[in-house]
Amino acid sequence: MGCLFAIFGGLFPRLALLVLWIARPALVDAAFNTFILPLLGIIFLPFTTLIYVIVYVPGIGLTGWGFFWVILALLLDLGHWGASYTQQRPDTRAERMRPRQRKQTATKREGGER
């Protein structure tokens, strides 16, 4: 069952965190003082929030390897945001050219100037 949750959490971190919050609210309540931070975590940094809730030790907080896993999860979340941004704006040479340059390039391809 633990391996199934790990696979599930890796593929769908938002849903896994929501299931964890419903099934074991004491874990999320121990990691956060209010419901707003985990809610924002589900929206913006789901994998980081999920890992933080899993590695958090009540009364102690994060220790040694816990910081490593949370930072790794943060880098994965930021990488996802960065990849989404770069896929949203394709940067091609044709878009950067001025309209006049585009017209000259098009006429050269057609077989000369008119």
N, C-alpha and C. Protein backbone atom coordinates (compact mmCIF):
# COMPACT_ATOMS: atom_id res chain seq x y z
N MET A 1 0.83 -1.20 0.00
CA MET A 1 0.00 0.00 0.00
C MET A 1 0.87 1.26 0.00
N GLY A 2 2.00 1.20 0.70
CA GLY A 2 2.90 2.36 0.74
C GLY A 2 3.50 2.66 -0.61
N CYS A 3 3.86 1.62 -1.35
CA CYS A 3 4.43 1.82 -2.70
C CYS A 3 3.38 2.39 -3.64
N LEU A 4 2.16 1.94 -3.49
CA LEU A 4 1.08 2.46 -4.32
C LEU A 4 0.87 3.95 -4.05
N PHE A 5 0.93 4.36 -2.78
CA PHE A 5 0.78 5.78 -2.46
C PHE A 5 1.96 6.58 -3.00
N ALA A 6 3.17 6.02 -2.97
CA ALA A 6 4.34 6.72 -3.50
C ALA A 6 4.21 6.95 -5.01
N ILE A 7 3.76 5.94 -5.73
CA ILE A 7 3.55 6.10 -7.17
C ILE A 7 2.44 7.11 -7.44
N PHE A 8 1.37 7.00 -6.68
CA PHE A 8 0.23 7.90 -6.81
C PHE A 8 0.66 9.34 -6.51
N GLY A 9 1.46 9.53 -5.45
CA GLY A 9 1.92 10.87 -5.08
C GLY A 9 2.87 11.47 -6.10
N GLY A 10 3.69 10.63 -6.74
CA GLY A 10 4.59 11.12 -7.76
C GLY A 10 3.87 11.55 -9.02
N LEU A 11 2.80 10.86 -9.35
CA LEU A 11 2.06 11.18 -10.57
C LEU A 11 1.03 12.29 -10.36
N PHE A 12 0.35 12.27 -9.21
CA PHE A 12 -0.72 13.23 -8.94
C PHE A 12 -0.54 13.83 -7.55
N PRO A 13 0.42 14.75 -7.37
CA PRO A 13 0.68 15.26 -6.02
C PRO A 13 -0.49 16.03 -5.40
N ARG A 14 -1.25 16.75 -6.20
CA ARG A 14 -2.38 17.50 -5.65
C ARG A 14 -3.43 16.56 -5.07
N LEU A 15 -3.76 15.55 -5.84
CA LEU A 15 -4.76 14.59 -5.39
C LEU A 15 -4.24 13.78 -4.20
N ALA A 16 -2.95 13.42 -4.23
CA ALA A 16 -2.38 12.66 -3.12
C ALA A 16 -2.39 13.48 -1.83
N LEU A 17 -2.08 14.76 -1.92
CA LEU A 17 -2.11 15.61 -0.73
C LEU A 17 -3.53 15.78 -0.22
N LEU A 18 -4.47 15.91 -1.11
CA LEU A 18 -5.87 16.02 -0.70
C LEU A 18 -6.35 14.74 -0.02
N VAL A 19 -5.99 13.59 -0.57
CA VAL A 19 -6.36 12.31 0.05
C VAL A 19 -5.68 12.17 1.41
N LEU A 20 -4.41 12.55 1.50
CA LEU A 20 -3.70 12.50 2.77
C LEU A 20 -4.34 13.42 3.80
N TRP A 21 -4.76 14.59 3.36
CA TRP A 21 -5.40 15.56 4.26
C TRP A 21 -6.73 15.03 4.77
N ILE A 22 -7.49 14.36 3.92
CA ILE A 22 -8.77 13.80 4.34
C ILE A 22 -8.57 12.56 5.21
N ALA A 23 -7.64 11.68 4.84
CA ALA A 23 -7.44 10.43 5.56
C ALA A 23 -6.71 10.63 6.89
N ARG A 24 -5.71 11.49 6.90
CA ARG A 24 -4.92 11.73 8.11
C ARG A 24 -4.78 13.24 8.37
N PRO A 25 -5.85 13.87 8.83
CA PRO A 25 -5.77 15.33 9.04
C PRO A 25 -4.77 15.72 10.13
N ALA A 26 -4.44 14.80 11.02
CA ALA A 26 -3.48 15.10 12.08
C ALA A 26 -2.10 15.38 11.51
N LEU A 27 -1.72 14.69 10.42
CA LEU A 27 -0.41 14.95 9.80
C LEU A 27 -0.32 16.36 9.24
N VAL A 28 -1.36 16.78 8.53
CA VAL A 28 -1.35 18.12 7.94
C VAL A 28 -1.48 19.18 9.03
N ASP A 29 -2.30 18.93 10.04
CA ASP A 29 -2.46 19.89 11.14
C ASP A 29 -1.18 20.04 11.94
N ALA A 30 -0.40 18.96 12.07
CA ALA A 30 0.86 19.04 12.79
C ALA A 30 1.90 19.84 12.01
N ALA A 31 1.87 19.73 10.69
CA ALA A 31 2.86 20.42 9.86
C ALA A 31 2.53 21.91 9.67
N PHE A 32 1.24 22.24 9.68
CA PHE A 32 0.83 23.63 9.44
C PHE A 32 -0.10 24.08 10.56
N ASN A 33 -0.02 25.35 10.93
CA ASN A 33 -0.89 25.89 11.98
C ASN A 33 -2.26 26.28 11.46
N THR A 34 -2.36 26.56 10.20
CA THR A 34 -3.60 27.03 9.60
C THR A 34 -3.91 26.23 8.33
N PHE A 35 -5.12 26.31 7.85
CA PHE A 35 -5.47 25.58 6.64
C PHE A 35 -5.10 26.33 5.37
N ILE A 36 -4.74 27.60 5.48
CA ILE A 36 -4.46 28.41 4.29
C ILE A 36 -3.16 27.98 3.61
N LEU A 37 -2.11 27.72 4.39
CA LEU A 37 -0.83 27.32 3.78
C LEU A 37 -0.91 26.01 3.01
N PRO A 38 -1.51 24.95 3.57
CA PRO A 38 -1.61 23.74 2.74
C PRO A 38 -2.53 23.92 1.53
N LEU A 39 -3.54 24.76 1.66
CA LEU A 39 -4.42 25.04 0.53
C LEU A 39 -3.66 25.76 -0.59
N LEU A 40 -2.85 26.75 -0.22
CA LEU A 40 -2.01 27.43 -1.20
C LEU A 40 -0.96 26.47 -1.77
N GLY A 41 -0.48 25.56 -0.92
CA GLY A 41 0.47 24.56 -1.39
C GLY A 41 -0.13 23.62 -2.42
N ILE A 42 -1.37 23.25 -2.23
CA ILE A 42 -2.05 22.39 -3.21
C ILE A 42 -2.15 23.11 -4.55
N ILE A 43 -2.37 24.41 -4.52
CA ILE A 43 -2.55 25.18 -5.75
C ILE A 43 -1.21 25.46 -6.44
N PHE A 44 -0.21 25.96 -5.70
CA PHE A 44 1.01 26.47 -6.32
C PHE A 44 2.20 25.52 -6.27
N LEU A 45 2.46 24.87 -5.13
CA LEU A 45 3.61 23.99 -4.98
C LEU A 45 3.16 22.64 -4.41
N PRO A 46 2.46 21.84 -5.19
CA PRO A 46 1.85 20.63 -4.63
C PRO A 46 2.87 19.58 -4.18
N PHE A 47 3.91 19.35 -4.96
CA PHE A 47 4.86 18.31 -4.60
C PHE A 47 5.66 18.71 -3.36
N THR A 48 6.04 19.98 -3.27
CA THR A 48 6.76 20.47 -2.09
C THR A 48 5.91 20.33 -0.85
N THR A 49 4.65 20.70 -0.92
CA THR A 49 3.75 20.61 0.22
C THR A 49 3.54 19.16 0.64
N LEU A 50 3.38 18.27 -0.33
CA LEU A 50 3.20 16.85 -0.03
C LEU A 50 4.43 16.29 0.69
N ILE A 51 5.61 16.57 0.18
CA ILE A 51 6.83 16.06 0.80
C ILE A 51 7.03 16.68 2.18
N TYR A 52 6.71 17.97 2.33
CA TYR A 52 6.85 18.62 3.64
C TYR A 52 5.95 17.95 4.68
N VAL A 53 4.73 17.64 4.30
CA VAL A 53 3.81 16.98 5.24
C VAL A 53 4.31 15.58 5.58
N ILE A 54 4.87 14.87 4.62
CA ILE A 54 5.33 13.51 4.86
C ILE A 54 6.57 13.47 5.76
N VAL A 55 7.54 14.37 5.54
CA VAL A 55 8.80 14.32 6.30
C VAL A 55 8.77 15.13 7.59
N TYR A 56 7.72 15.90 7.82
CA TYR A 56 7.64 16.73 9.03
C TYR A 56 7.47 15.82 10.26
N VAL A 57 8.27 16.10 11.30
CA VAL A 57 8.19 15.36 12.56
C VAL A 57 7.54 16.28 13.59
N PRO A 58 6.36 15.91 14.11
CA PRO A 58 5.68 16.78 15.08
C PRO A 58 6.55 17.03 16.31
N GLY A 59 6.61 18.28 16.70
CA GLY A 59 7.39 18.68 17.87
C GLY A 59 8.84 18.98 17.56
N ILE A 60 9.36 18.44 16.47
CA ILE A 60 10.76 18.66 16.10
C ILE A 60 10.86 19.51 14.84
N GLY A 61 10.07 19.21 13.86
CA GLY A 61 10.11 19.92 12.59
C GLY A 61 10.90 19.14 11.56
N LEU A 62 11.58 19.85 10.68
CA LEU A 62 12.40 19.19 9.66
C LEU A 62 13.80 19.01 10.20
N THR A 63 14.38 17.85 9.89
CA THR A 63 15.75 17.58 10.30
C THR A 63 16.52 17.04 9.10
N GLY A 64 17.81 17.20 9.11
CA GLY A 64 18.75 16.65 8.13
C GLY A 64 18.20 16.34 6.76
N TRP A 65 17.86 15.07 6.52
CA TRP A 65 17.40 14.63 5.21
C TRP A 65 16.04 15.21 4.85
N GLY A 66 15.27 15.61 5.84
CA GLY A 66 13.98 16.24 5.56
C GLY A 66 14.14 17.51 4.75
N PHE A 67 15.15 18.31 5.11
CA PHE A 67 15.42 19.53 4.35
C PHE A 67 15.81 19.19 2.92
N PHE A 68 16.61 18.15 2.75
CA PHE A 68 17.04 17.73 1.41
C PHE A 68 15.83 17.38 0.54
N TRP A 69 14.91 16.58 1.07
CA TRP A 69 13.75 16.15 0.28
C TRP A 69 12.82 17.31 -0.04
N VAL A 70 12.65 18.23 0.90
CA VAL A 70 11.78 19.38 0.64
C VAL A 70 12.40 20.30 -0.41
N ILE A 71 13.71 20.51 -0.33
CA ILE A 71 14.39 21.36 -1.32
C ILE A 71 14.35 20.69 -2.70
N LEU A 72 14.54 19.37 -2.74
CA LEU A 72 14.44 18.66 -4.01
C LEU A 72 13.03 18.77 -4.60
N ALA A 73 12.02 18.64 -3.75
CA ALA A 73 10.63 18.79 -4.22
C ALA A 73 10.37 20.21 -4.70
N LEU A 74 10.93 21.21 -4.01
CA LEU A 74 10.78 22.60 -4.44
C LEU A 74 11.41 22.81 -5.81
N LEU A 75 12.59 22.23 -6.03
CA LEU A 75 13.22 22.36 -7.34
C LEU A 75 12.39 21.70 -8.43
N LEU A 76 11.77 20.56 -8.13
CA LEU A 76 10.90 19.91 -9.11
C LEU A 76 9.67 20.76 -9.42
N ASP A 77 9.08 21.36 -8.39
CA ASP A 77 7.92 22.23 -8.62
C ASP A 77 8.31 23.46 -9.44
N LEU A 78 9.45 24.07 -9.09
CA LEU A 78 9.89 25.25 -9.85
C LEU A 78 10.25 24.87 -11.28
N GLY A 79 10.82 23.68 -11.46
CA GLY A 79 11.11 23.20 -12.82
C GLY A 79 9.85 23.02 -13.63
N HIS A 80 8.81 22.56 -12.98
CA HIS A 80 7.52 22.41 -13.67
C HIS A 80 6.98 23.77 -14.09
N TRP A 81 7.07 24.76 -13.19
CA TRP A 81 6.61 26.11 -13.54
C TRP A 81 7.45 26.69 -14.68
N GLY A 82 8.77 26.50 -14.63
CA GLY A 82 9.64 27.01 -15.67
C GLY A 82 9.38 26.34 -17.02
N ALA A 83 9.19 25.03 -17.01
CA ALA A 83 8.91 24.32 -18.26
C ALA A 83 7.57 24.76 -18.84
N SER A 84 6.59 24.99 -17.99
CA SER A 84 5.29 25.46 -18.47
C SER A 84 5.42 26.83 -19.12
N TYR A 85 6.24 27.70 -18.53
CA TYR A 85 6.42 29.04 -19.07
C TYR A 85 7.12 28.99 -20.43
N THR A 86 8.15 28.18 -20.55
CA THR A 86 8.87 28.14 -21.82
C THR A 86 8.04 27.50 -22.93
N GLN A 87 7.17 26.56 -22.60
CA GLN A 87 6.32 25.95 -23.60
C GLN A 87 5.18 26.88 -24.03
N GLN A 88 4.87 27.83 -23.19
CA GLN A 88 3.78 28.76 -23.48
C GLN A 88 4.19 29.80 -24.51
N ARG A 89 5.45 30.23 -24.50
CA ARG A 89 5.92 31.26 -25.41
C ARG A 89 7.00 30.71 -26.32
N PRO A 90 6.63 30.24 -27.50
CA PRO A 90 7.66 29.76 -28.41
C PRO A 90 8.48 30.95 -28.94
N ASP A 91 9.79 30.81 -28.93
CA ASP A 91 10.66 31.89 -29.36
C ASP A 91 11.29 31.48 -30.68
N THR A 92 10.70 31.92 -31.74
CA THR A 92 11.24 31.59 -33.05
C THR A 92 11.83 32.84 -33.69
N ARG A 93 12.69 32.64 -34.65
CA ARG A 93 13.35 33.76 -35.31
C ARG A 93 12.33 34.62 -36.06
N ALA A 94 11.32 34.01 -36.62
CA ALA A 94 10.33 34.75 -37.40
C ALA A 94 9.54 35.72 -36.53
N GLU A 95 9.31 35.36 -35.27
CA GLU A 95 8.57 36.25 -34.39
C GLU A 95 9.40 37.44 -33.95
N ARG A 96 10.73 37.27 -33.89
CA ARG A 96 11.60 38.36 -33.44
C ARG A 96 11.93 39.35 -34.54
N MET A 97 11.78 38.94 -35.81
CA MET A 97 12.12 39.83 -36.91
C MET A 97 11.10 40.96 -37.03
N ARG A 98 11.57 42.06 -37.54
CA ARG A 98 10.67 43.17 -37.80
C ARG A 98 9.79 42.83 -39.00
N PRO A 99 8.63 43.48 -39.10
CA PRO A 99 7.74 43.17 -40.25
C PRO A 99 8.41 43.36 -41.60
N ARG A 100 9.27 44.37 -41.75
CA ARG A 100 9.93 44.62 -43.03
C ARG A 100 10.88 43.47 -43.37
N GLN A 101 11.62 42.98 -42.37
CA GLN A 101 12.52 41.86 -42.60
C GLN A 101 11.73 40.61 -42.99
N ARG A 102 10.59 40.43 -42.37
CA ARG A 102 9.76 39.27 -42.67
C ARG A 102 9.30 39.31 -44.13
N LYS A 103 8.95 40.52 -44.61
CA LYS A 103 8.49 40.67 -45.98
C LYS A 103 9.63 40.39 -46.96
N GLN A 104 10.83 40.87 -46.65
CA GLN A 104 11.97 40.62 -47.52
C GLN A 104 12.31 39.13 -47.56
N THR A 105 12.26 38.48 -46.44
CA THR A 105 12.55 37.05 -46.39
C THR A 105 11.51 36.27 -47.18
N ALA A 106 10.26 36.67 -47.10
CA ALA A 106 9.19 35.97 -47.83
C ALA A 106 9.37 36.14 -49.34
N THR A 107 9.77 37.34 -49.77
CA THR A 107 9.94 37.55 -51.21
C THR A 107 11.16 36.80 -51.73
N LYS A 108 12.19 36.65 -50.95
CA LYS A 108 13.37 35.88 -51.38
C LYS A 108 13.00 34.42 -51.56
N ARG A 109 12.15 33.90 -50.69
CA ARG A 109 11.74 32.51 -50.81
C ARG A 109 10.86 32.29 -52.03
N GLU A 110 10.10 33.31 -52.44
CA GLU A 110 9.19 33.16 -53.57
C GLU A 110 9.93 33.24 -54.90
N GLY A 111 11.17 33.67 -54.90
CA GLY A 111 11.90 33.68 -56.15
C GLY A 111 12.35 35.05 -56.59
N GLY A 112 12.58 35.95 -55.71
CA GLY A 112 13.08 37.26 -56.09
C GLY A 112 12.15 38.38 -55.72
N GLU A 113 12.65 39.59 -55.93
CA GLU A 113 11.87 40.75 -55.58
C GLU A 113 10.95 41.15 -56.72
N ARG A 114 9.88 41.78 -56.40
CA ARG A 114 8.92 42.21 -57.44
C ARG A 114 8.96 43.68 -57.63
